């Protein structure tokens, strides 16, 4: 089977690429291992909502048009939105098809699936950024009787073993799961490492309204001083709720969640923590303050001050005078450890020399290095700071499609990468 472009993945990113390819007259196929929006259907916990307000949910050719613009979509609503988008795009779609390998072949690539082989001049990997949970090596030392759970396994508190829970990681997933599990009546300890603190509402507007309006989320990857670090930052401590609450470490402490430092490891049934909790929190507080300063300066310079509430600052993160450095799991009734320690993309099926010494895909804003005609979309801070959000896919898809069109000789040469 032959086509100009194979797109791997039929989530919002793959569908956006298909929409842009069709608009440029590029023949292509979209291959999906399950159904449209497979990851959103199968790899999210039950109560999860988007971090972004509904009004910000948009993809090329479709934007949210419901009656709750300030709300936050449930996973079922996200799936319905992507299904609606698939009907609009009407891509040449092969569902229930697993890609087994991507290799060089002929004058382009061979995409081997469990239903046949596709040969193409170009390919776009749109298979998601959160395929594999990152579980530290320390998990191997967990004592017997303590269950190890990742956010991809976690569904709801009632599905966990009875007893206390240690949540490792204080990004969006970590604080949300810690809060939900604690509200179910279980004691929760949260191991806090590097994190990004943000208020849900600032000066009467959603914080993502500010990120969108000021252009902070439009900053390009080639304008960021340390792009490697930016791509590895944890997701901000935000939660999407009808009440638009701010869920930070102080809110968790007030609820009864205990904070400890970063997990260092386990020894003889005892968890060991680093002594940097206060420093981690202080740094996150300082970065939040700098972000709010930037917003205030922009508001003043652009005549927005009169449209919003006055500037405000928030209480520093409260930390125990001497946070515990160890925790005897059995003595404290800890029966579950939840690893909210991030995710990574699964590129194991790509059989090409396009990885660095750490196994990371080499690319320049989604244009894969050393493999002409191969593209990656849907990664964190791929081409802009907003790339990890649904609305960030619009500009990324158009940029990469323009580059692809120039590569296959169907458009203007020299498209900007």
Foldseek 3Di string as FASTA:
>chain_A
DEFAEEEEAQELLSLLLLLLCVVLVGTYEYEEQADHVVCLVQQAAQAAWDLDFQQLFDGVPDHDDDDGRRATGGSVVSSVVSVVSCVVSVGNYDHNKAFQAWAADDCAIWTQIPVGIYDHNFYEYAHAFFPFFDDDPLVVVADPLAAEAESRRDHALVVADPFAEEEAEQEQVRLVRQVRNVVVPHAYEYAYDAAAEDQCDFLRHGVVVLCVVLCVQVDWLVNDPCSVVLLVHGHHNGGGDPVSGGRDLQVSVVSPHHYFYHWPHDDPQKTFHDPCPVVSQVVNLVVNVVVLVVSVVSCVVVVNCVVGHDGDHDDGRDHDPGGDGMDRCVVRGRRYYYYHPGGGDDPVNYPDPQADPVRHGDDDLQCGPPRPNYGYAQGQSSTGNCRVPNSNSRVSSNQVSVQNCLRVPSDDHDRDD
